[in-house]
Amino acid sequence: MQNTHLEYRVGYTPLGGRLYAGFVRKDNGKWEGIHHDVTDCAIFAVGQKLARERKDVRYSLPDGRVIQVSAVITGAETTEEDHANR
């Protein structure tokens, strides 16, 4: 039996800076039951997808701003400073 009052979501918590996956109530948006920290595996999976497809993804925010997400695979010796100067 499927609970139609719940939906599976991934959400971001600004307080802890982590991503969680689990079931959320449709009526009030609150987590129901256990939710799991998926931060590291989610970011890695998104990075792999974007780097492999060689494209950026853009999401419009309600206030008109845009979030642009991209990924680049570099050599192990590349530093953050090297990447910032590109």
PDB file of N, CA and C in Angstrom:
ATOM      1  N   MET A   1       0.838  -1.190   0.000  1.00  0.00           N
ATOM      2  CA  MET A   1       0.000   0.000   0.000  1.00  0.00           C
ATOM      3  C   MET A   1       0.878   1.248   0.000  1.00  0.00           C
ATOM      4  N   GLN A   2       0.589   2.190  -0.863  1.00  0.00           N
ATOM      5  CA  GLN A   2       1.380   3.399  -1.001  1.00  0.00           C
ATOM      6  C   GLN A   2       0.721   4.551  -0.249  1.00  0.00           C
ATOM      7  N   ASN A   3       1.503   5.298   0.505  1.00  0.00           N
ATOM      8  CA  ASN A   3       0.984   6.439   1.238  1.00  0.00           C
ATOM      9  C   ASN A   3       0.976   7.655   0.310  1.00  0.00           C
ATOM     10  N   THR A   4      -0.193   8.133  -0.044  1.00  0.00           N
ATOM     11  CA  THR A   4      -0.308   9.259  -0.984  1.00  0.00           C
ATOM     12  C   THR A   4      -0.077  10.605  -0.301  1.00  0.00           C
ATOM     13  N   HIS A   5       0.120  10.601   1.008  1.00  0.00           N
ATOM     14  CA  HIS A   5       0.372  11.839   1.743  1.00  0.00           C
ATOM     15  C   HIS A   5       1.857  12.160   1.849  1.00  0.00           C
ATOM     16  N   LEU A   6       2.688  11.244   1.352  1.00  0.00           N
ATOM     17  CA  LEU A   6       4.131  11.429   1.424  1.00  0.00           C
ATOM     18  C   LEU A   6       4.736  11.433   0.035  1.00  0.00           C
ATOM     19  N   GLU A   7       5.843  12.158  -0.112  1.00  0.00           N
ATOM     20  CA  GLU A   7       6.618  12.069  -1.348  1.00  0.00           C
ATOM     21  C   GLU A   7       8.096  12.049  -0.987  1.00  0.00           C
ATOM     22  N   TYR A   8       8.872  11.362  -1.815  1.00  0.00           N
ATOM     23  CA  TYR A   8      10.308  11.234  -1.591  1.00  0.00           C
ATOM     24  C   TYR A   8      10.990  12.493  -2.114  1.00  0.00           C
ATOM     25  N   ARG A   9      11.825  13.103  -1.297  1.00  0.00           N
ATOM     26  CA  ARG A   9      12.512  14.331  -1.693  1.00  0.00           C
ATOM     27  C   ARG A   9      13.962  14.332  -1.218  1.00  0.00           C
ATOM     28  N   VAL A  10      14.733  15.168  -1.877  1.00  0.00           N
ATOM     29  CA  VAL A  10      16.073  15.505  -1.409  1.00  0.00           C
ATOM     30  C   VAL A  10      16.008  16.972  -1.044  1.00  0.00           C
ATOM     31  N   GLY A  11      16.478  17.314   0.146  1.00  0.00           N
ATOM     32  CA  GLY A  11      16.404  18.696   0.602  1.00  0.00           C
ATOM     33  C   GLY A  11      17.709  19.166   1.204  1.00  0.00           C
ATOM     34  N   TYR A  12      17.872  20.467   1.237  1.00  0.00           N
ATOM     35  CA  TYR A  12      19.068  21.113   1.771  1.00  0.00           C
ATOM     36  C   TYR A  12      18.720  21.786   3.098  1.00  0.00           C
ATOM     37  N   THR A  13      19.574  21.603   4.091  1.00  0.00           N
ATOM     38  CA  THR A  13      19.375  22.278   5.374  1.00  0.00           C
ATOM     39  C   THR A  13      20.478  23.321   5.555  1.00  0.00           C
ATOM     40  N   PRO A  14      20.134  24.596   5.486  1.00  0.00           N
ATOM     41  CA  PRO A  14      21.142  25.648   5.607  1.00  0.00           C
ATOM     42  C   PRO A  14      21.860  25.634   6.962  1.00  0.00           C
ATOM     43  N   LEU A  15      21.181  25.206   8.013  1.00  0.00           N
ATOM     44  CA  LEU A  15      21.783  25.205   9.340  1.00  0.00           C
ATOM     45  C   LEU A  15      23.013  24.305   9.395  1.00  0.00           C
ATOM     46  N   GLY A  16      22.895  23.100   8.861  1.00  0.00           N
ATOM     47  CA  GLY A  16      24.022  22.171   8.871  1.00  0.00           C
ATOM     48  C   GLY A  16      24.763  22.089   7.561  1.00  0.00           C
ATOM     49  N   GLY A  17      24.195  22.664   6.496  1.00  0.00           N
ATOM     50  CA  GLY A  17      24.835  22.648   5.190  1.00  0.00           C
ATOM     51  C   GLY A  17      24.862  21.267   4.554  1.00  0.00           C
ATOM     52  N   ARG A  18      23.901  20.428   4.868  1.00  0.00           N
ATOM     53  CA  ARG A  18      23.884  19.057   4.366  1.00  0.00           C
ATOM     54  C   ARG A  18      22.651  18.818   3.502  1.00  0.00           C
ATOM     55  N   LEU A  19      22.710  17.785   2.670  1.00  0.00           N
ATOM     56  CA  LEU A  19      21.587  17.337   1.847  1.00  0.00           C
ATOM     57  C   LEU A  19      21.021  16.066   2.471  1.00  0.00           C
ATOM     58  N   TYR A  20      19.695  15.999   2.542  1.00  0.00           N
ATOM     59  CA  TYR A  20      19.035  14.829   3.109  1.00  0.00           C
ATOM     60  C   TYR A  20      18.010  14.294   2.128  1.00  0.00           C
ATOM     61  N   ALA A  21      17.809  12.977   2.153  1.00  0.00           N
ATOM     62  CA  ALA A  21      16.802  12.325   1.327  1.00  0.00           C
ATOM     63  C   ALA A  21      15.885  11.527   2.242  1.00  0.00           C
ATOM     64  N   GLY A  22      14.607  11.573   1.926  1.00  0.00           N
ATOM     65  CA  GLY A  22      13.638  10.820   2.710  1.00  0.00           C
ATOM     66  C   GLY A  22      12.236  11.233   2.328  1.00  0.00           C
ATOM     67  N   PHE A  23      11.291  10.794   3.121  1.00  0.00           N
ATOM     68  CA  PHE A  23       9.896  11.097   2.843  1.00  0.00           C
ATOM     69  C   PHE A  23       9.454  12.358   3.572  1.00  0.00           C
ATOM     70  N   VAL A  24       8.702  13.185   2.844  1.00  0.00           N
ATOM     71  CA  VAL A  24       8.205  14.459   3.347  1.00  0.00           C
ATOM     72  C   VAL A  24       6.690  14.461   3.195  1.00  0.00           C
ATOM     73  N   ARG A  25       6.018  15.010   4.195  1.00  0.00           N
ATOM     74  CA  ARG A  25       4.562  15.118   4.123  1.00  0.00           C
ATOM     75  C   ARG A  25       4.185  16.170   3.079  1.00  0.00           C
ATOM     76  N   LYS A  26       3.235  15.841   2.213  1.00  0.00           N
ATOM     77  CA  LYS A  26       2.800  16.779   1.172  1.00  0.00           C
ATOM     78  C   LYS A  26       2.040  17.965   1.765  1.00  0.00           C
ATOM     79  N   ASP A  27       1.340  17.747   2.874  1.00  0.00           N
ATOM     80  CA  ASP A  27       0.505  18.817   3.430  1.00  0.00           C
ATOM     81  C   ASP A  27       1.284  19.898   4.175  1.00  0.00           C
ATOM     82  N   ASN A  28       2.421  19.540   4.790  1.00  0.00           N
ATOM     83  CA  ASN A  28       3.144  20.554   5.555  1.00  0.00           C
ATOM     84  C   ASN A  28       4.646  20.617   5.263  1.00  0.00           C
ATOM     85  N   GLY A  29       5.169  19.717   4.422  1.00  0.00           N
ATOM     86  CA  GLY A  29       6.582  19.746   4.041  1.00  0.00           C
ATOM     87  C   GLY A  29       7.546  19.264   5.101  1.00  0.00           C
ATOM     88  N   LYS A  30       7.048  18.655   6.164  1.00  0.00           N
ATOM     89  CA  LYS A  30       7.933  18.174   7.236  1.00  0.00           C
ATOM     90  C   LYS A  30       8.384  16.750   6.967  1.00  0.00           C
ATOM     91  N   TRP A  31       9.623  16.453   7.404  1.00  0.00           N
ATOM     92  CA  TRP A  31      10.168  15.110   7.253  1.00  0.00           C
ATOM     93  C   TRP A  31       9.312  14.132   8.042  1.00  0.00           C
ATOM     94  N   GLU A  32       9.106  12.971   7.474  1.00  0.00           N
ATOM     95  CA  GLU A  32       8.351  11.900   8.110  1.00  0.00           C
ATOM     96  C   GLU A  32       9.270  10.691   8.220  1.00  0.00           C
ATOM     97  N   GLY A  33       9.465  10.193   9.415  1.00  0.00           N
ATOM     98  CA  GLY A  33      10.335   9.036   9.593  1.00  0.00           C
ATOM     99  C   GLY A  33      11.801   9.405   9.465  1.00  0.00           C
ATOM    100  N   ILE A  34      12.589   8.447   9.042  1.00  0.00           N
ATOM    101  CA  ILE A  34      14.041   8.621   8.961  1.00  0.00           C
ATOM    102  C   ILE A  34      14.428   9.261   7.629  1.00  0.00           C
ATOM    103  N   HIS A  35      15.314  10.241   7.696  1.00  0.00           N
ATOM    104  CA  HIS A  35      15.901  10.805   6.478  1.00  0.00           C
ATOM    105  C   HIS A  35      17.406  10.583   6.557  1.00  0.00           C
ATOM    106  N   HIS A  36      18.042  10.470   5.402  1.00  0.00           N
ATOM    107  CA  HIS A  36      19.448  10.087   5.327  1.00  0.00           C
ATOM    108  C   HIS A  36      20.298  11.218   4.749  1.00  0.00           C
ATOM    109  N   ASP A  37      21.478  11.402   5.325  1.00  0.00           N
ATOM    110  CA  ASP A  37      22.433  12.377   4.801  1.00  0.00           C
ATOM    111  C   ASP A  37      23.020  11.812   3.510  1.00  0.00           C
ATOM    112  N   VAL A  38      22.775  12.487   2.397  1.00  0.00           N
ATOM    113  CA  VAL A  38      23.260  12.036   1.087  1.00  0.00           C
ATOM    114  C   VAL A  38      24.191  13.074   0.449  1.00  0.00           C
ATOM    115  N   THR A  39      24.699  13.997   1.246  1.00  0.00           N
ATOM    116  CA  THR A  39      25.475  15.125   0.728  1.00  0.00           C
ATOM    117  C   THR A  39      26.618  14.689  -0.185  1.00  0.00           C
ATOM    118  N   ASP A  40      27.525  13.885   0.336  1.00  0.00           N
ATOM    119  CA  ASP A  40      28.717  13.527  -0.431  1.00  0.00           C
ATOM    120  C   ASP A  40      28.384  12.728  -1.691  1.00  0.00           C
ATOM    121  N   CYS A  41      27.522  11.725  -1.565  1.00  0.00           N
ATOM    122  CA  CYS A  41      27.221  10.902  -2.745  1.00  0.00           C
ATOM    123  C   CYS A  41      26.387  11.689  -3.765  1.00  0.00           C
ATOM    124  N   ALA A  42      25.520  12.589  -3.319  1.00  0.00           N
ATOM    125  CA  ALA A  42      24.711  13.376  -4.254  1.00  0.00           C
ATOM    126  C   ALA A  42      25.575  14.366  -5.042  1.00  0.00           C
ATOM    127  N   ILE A  43      26.453  15.065  -4.341  1.00  0.00           N
ATOM    128  CA  ILE A  43      27.327  16.032  -5.028  1.00  0.00           C
ATOM    129  C   ILE A  43      28.250  15.316  -6.009  1.00  0.00           C
ATOM    130  N   PHE A  44      28.796  14.179  -5.607  1.00  0.00           N
ATOM    131  CA  PHE A  44      29.674  13.410  -6.484  1.00  0.00           C
ATOM    132  C   PHE A  44      28.923  12.930  -7.725  1.00  0.00           C
ATOM    133  N   ALA A  45      27.710  12.423  -7.541  1.00  0.00           N
ATOM    134  CA  ALA A  45      26.911  11.932  -8.673  1.00  0.00           C
ATOM    135  C   ALA A  45      26.573  13.064  -9.639  1.00  0.00           C
ATOM    136  N   VAL A  46      26.185  14.217  -9.111  1.00  0.00           N
ATOM    137  CA  VAL A  46      25.871  15.365  -9.973  1.00  0.00           C
ATOM    138  C   VAL A  46      27.128  15.819 -10.716  1.00  0.00           C
ATOM    139  N   GLY A  47      28.256  15.867 -10.014  1.00  0.00           N
ATOM    140  CA  GLY A  47      29.517  16.246 -10.657  1.00  0.00           C
ATOM    141  C   GLY A  47      29.886  15.307 -11.794  1.00  0.00           C
ATOM    142  N   GLN A  48      29.745  14.006 -11.565  1.00  0.00           N
ATOM    143  CA  GLN A  48      30.025  13.030 -12.622  1.00  0.00           C
ATOM    144  C   GLN A  48      29.120  13.251 -13.827  1.00  0.00           C
ATOM    145  N   LYS A  49      27.839  13.439 -13.580  1.00  0.00           N
ATOM    146  CA  LYS A  49      26.877  13.628 -14.679  1.00  0.00           C
ATOM    147  C   LYS A  49      27.213  14.875 -15.494  1.00  0.00           C
ATOM    148  N   LEU A  50      27.428  16.005 -14.821  1.00  0.00           N
ATOM    149  CA  LEU A  50      27.693  17.253 -15.536  1.00  0.00           C
ATOM    150  C   LEU A  50      29.017  17.202 -16.290  1.00  0.00           C
ATOM    151  N   ALA A  51      30.046  16.631 -15.672  1.00  0.00           N
ATOM    152  CA  ALA A  51      31.352  16.544 -16.345  1.00  0.00           C
ATOM    153  C   ALA A  51      31.276  15.625 -17.552  1.00  0.00           C
ATOM    154  N   ARG A  52      30.585  14.505 -17.415  1.00  0.00           N
ATOM    155  CA  ARG A  52      30.487  13.556 -18.524  1.00  0.00           C
ATOM    156  C   ARG A  52      29.698  14.147 -19.693  1.00  0.00           C
ATOM    157  N   GLU A  53      28.609  14.853 -19.379  1.00  0.00           N
ATOM    158  CA  GLU A  53      27.764  15.435 -20.428  1.00  0.00           C
ATOM    159  C   GLU A  53      28.298  16.767 -20.936  1.00  0.00           C
ATOM    160  N   ARG A  54      29.305  17.306 -20.249  1.00  0.00           N
ATOM    161  CA  ARG A  54      29.936  18.577 -20.625  1.00  0.00           C
ATOM    162  C   ARG A  54      28.940  19.698 -20.846  1.00  0.00           C
ATOM    163  N   LYS A  55      28.072  19.851 -19.851  1.00  0.00           N
ATOM    164  CA  LYS A  55      27.122  20.962 -19.940  1.00  0.00           C
ATOM    165  C   LYS A  55      26.813  21.475 -18.540  1.00  0.00           C
ATOM    166  N   ASP A  56      26.423  22.726 -18.479  1.00  0.00           N
ATOM    167  CA  ASP A  56      25.990  23.342 -17.232  1.00  0.00           C
ATOM    168  C   ASP A  56      24.483  23.188 -17.111  1.00  0.00           C
ATOM    169  N   VAL A  57      23.997  23.285 -15.890  1.00  0.00           N
ATOM    170  CA  VAL A  57      22.555  23.258 -15.645  1.00  0.00           C
ATOM    171  C   VAL A  57      22.199  24.561 -14.950  1.00  0.00           C
ATOM    172  N   ARG A  58      21.122  25.175 -15.383  1.00  0.00           N
ATOM    173  CA  ARG A  58      20.683  26.449 -14.807  1.00  0.00           C
ATOM    174  C   ARG A  58      19.287  26.300 -14.235  1.00  0.00           C
ATOM    175  N   TYR A  59      19.104  26.855 -13.030  1.00  0.00           N
ATOM    176  CA  TYR A  59      17.803  26.829 -12.367  1.00  0.00           C
ATOM    177  C   TYR A  59      17.412  28.252 -12.001  1.00  0.00           C
ATOM    178  N   SER A  60      16.211  28.658 -12.388  1.00  0.00           N
ATOM    179  CA  SER A  60      15.716  29.984 -12.056  1.00  0.00           C
ATOM    180  C   SER A  60      15.166  29.988 -10.632  1.00  0.00           C
ATOM    181  N   LEU A  61      15.507  31.026  -9.883  1.00  0.00           N
ATOM    182  CA  LEU A  61      14.997  31.217  -8.532  1.00  0.00           C
ATOM    183  C   LEU A  61      13.762  32.107  -8.580  1.00  0.00           C
ATOM    184  N   PRO A  62      12.913  32.035  -7.580  1.00  0.00           N
ATOM    185  CA  PRO A  62      11.686  32.847  -7.574  1.00  0.00           C
ATOM    186  C   PRO A  62      11.931  34.352  -7.695  1.00  0.00           C
ATOM    187  N   ASP A  63      13.094  34.828  -7.227  1.00  0.00           N
ATOM    188  CA  ASP A  63      13.372  36.269  -7.282  1.00  0.00           C
ATOM    189  C   ASP A  63      14.024  36.698  -8.597  1.00  0.00           C
ATOM    190  N   GLY A  64      14.141  35.770  -9.563  1.00  0.00           N
ATOM    191  CA  GLY A  64      14.699  36.114 -10.868  1.00  0.00           C
ATOM    192  C   GLY A  64      16.173  35.787 -11.037  1.00  0.00           C
ATOM    193  N   ARG A  65      16.869  35.539  -9.938  1.00  0.00           N
ATOM    194  CA  ARG A  65      18.275  35.139 -10.058  1.00  0.00           C
ATOM    195  C   ARG A  65      18.343  33.721 -10.591  1.00  0.00           C
ATOM    196  N   VAL A  66      19.548  33.285 -10.977  1.00  0.00           N
ATOM    197  CA  VAL A  66      19.734  31.958 -11.565  1.00  0.00           C
ATOM    198  C   VAL A  66      20.895  31.256 -10.854  1.00  0.00           C
ATOM    199  N   ILE A  67      20.699  29.982 -10.547  1.00  0.00           N
ATOM    200  CA  ILE A  67      21.786  29.147 -10.055  1.00  0.00           C
ATOM    201  C   ILE A  67      22.324  28.373 -11.254  1.00  0.00           C
ATOM    202  N   GLN A  68      23.631  28.469 -11.480  1.00  0.00           N
ATOM    203  CA  GLN A  68      24.270  27.718 -12.558  1.00  0.00           C
ATOM    204  C   GLN A  68      25.216  26.704 -11.924  1.00  0.00           C
ATOM    205  N   VAL A  69      25.055  25.440 -12.279  1.00  0.00           N
ATOM    206  CA  VAL A  69      25.865  24.360 -11.720  1.00  0.00           C
ATOM    207  C   VAL A  69      26.689  23.753 -12.844  1.00  0.00           C
ATOM    208  N   SER A  70      27.999  23.570 -12.577  1.00  0.00           N
ATOM    209  CA  SER A  70      28.876  22.970 -13.573  1.00  0.00           C
ATOM    210  C   SER A  70      29.929  22.130 -12.862  1.00  0.00           C
ATOM    211  N   ALA A  71      30.606  21.291 -13.626  1.00  0.00           N
ATOM    212  CA  ALA A  71      31.666  20.452 -13.063  1.00  0.00           C
ATOM    213  C   ALA A  71      32.776  20.298 -14.085  1.00  0.00           C
ATOM    214  N   VAL A  72      34.011  20.246 -13.591  1.00  0.00           N
ATOM    215  CA  VAL A  72      35.188  20.062 -14.427  1.00  0.00           C
ATOM    216  C   VAL A  72      36.057  18.998 -13.775  1.00  0.00           C
ATOM    217  N   ILE A  73      36.520  18.036 -14.544  1.00  0.00           N
ATOM    218  CA  ILE A  73      37.461  17.042 -14.036  1.00  0.00           C
ATOM    219  C   ILE A  73      38.865  17.556 -14.324  1.00  0.00           C
ATOM    220  N   THR A  74      39.686  17.606 -13.281  1.00  0.00           N
ATOM    221  CA  THR A  74      41.053  18.106 -13.420  1.00  0.00           C
ATOM    222  C   THR A  74      42.028  17.038 -12.951  1.00  0.00           C
ATOM    223  N   GLY A  75      43.297  17.291 -13.174  1.00  0.00           N
ATOM    224  CA  GLY A  75      44.333  16.383 -12.688  1.00  0.00           C
ATOM    225  C   GLY A  75      44.454  16.480 -11.171  1.00  0.00           C
ATOM    226  N   ALA A  76      45.025  15.478 -10.565  1.00  0.00           N
ATOM    227  CA  ALA A  76      45.160  15.434  -9.111  1.00  0.00           C
ATOM    228  C   ALA A  76      46.021  16.580  -8.582  1.00  0.00           C
ATOM    229  N   GLU A  77      46.921  17.097  -9.389  1.00  0.00           N
ATOM    230  CA  GLU A  77      47.819  18.154  -8.942  1.00  0.00           C
ATOM    231  C   GLU A  77      47.208  19.550  -9.053  1.00  0.00           C
ATOM    232  N   THR A  78      46.037  19.681  -9.656  1.00  0.00           N
ATOM    233  CA  THR A  78      45.395  20.981  -9.820  1.00  0.00           C
ATOM    234  C   THR A  78      44.864  21.476  -8.480  1.00  0.00           C
ATOM    235  N   THR A  79      45.146  22.740  -8.163  1.00  0.00           N
ATOM    236  CA  THR A  79      44.681  23.329  -6.896  1.00  0.00           C
ATOM    237  C   THR A  79      43.441  24.160  -7.143  1.00  0.00           C
ATOM    238  N   GLU A  80      42.766  24.553  -6.067  1.00  0.00           N
ATOM    239  CA  GLU A  80      41.607  25.433  -6.183  1.00  0.00           C
ATOM    240  C   GLU A  80      42.008  26.760  -6.799  1.00  0.00           C
ATOM    241  N   GLU A  81      43.195  27.244  -6.455  1.00  0.00           N
ATOM    242  CA  GLU A  81      43.684  28.506  -7.007  1.00  0.00           C
ATOM    243  C   GLU A  81      43.871  28.412  -8.512  1.00  0.00           C
ATOM    244  N   ASP A  82      44.404  27.292  -9.001  1.00  0.00           N
ATOM    245  CA  ASP A  82      44.554  27.083 -10.441  1.00  0.00           C
ATOM    246  C   ASP A  82      43.208  27.145 -11.134  1.00  0.00           C
ATOM    247  N   HIS A  83      42.220  26.481 -10.541  1.00  0.00           N
ATOM    248  CA  HIS A  83      40.883  26.446 -11.130  1.00  0.00           C
ATOM    249  C   HIS A  83      40.242  27.834 -11.133  1.00  0.00           C
ATOM    250  N   ALA A  84      40.421  28.609 -10.062  1.00  0.00           N
ATOM    251  CA  ALA A  84      39.831  29.943  -9.960  1.00  0.00           C
ATOM    252  C   ALA A  84      40.415  30.903 -10.982  1.00  0.00           C
ATOM    253  N   ASN A  85      41.657  30.684 -11.390  1.00  0.00           N
ATOM    254  CA  ASN A  85      42.329  31.576 -12.342  1.00  0.00           C
ATOM    255  C   ASN A  85      42.010  31.247 -13.790  1.00  0.00           C
ATOM    256  N   ARG A  86      41.174  30.253 -14.044  1.00  0.00           N
ATOM    257  CA  ARG A  86      40.830  29.891 -15.433  1.00  0.00           C
ATOM    258  C   ARG A  86      39.809  30.817 -15.993  1.00  0.00           C
TER     259      ARG A  86
END
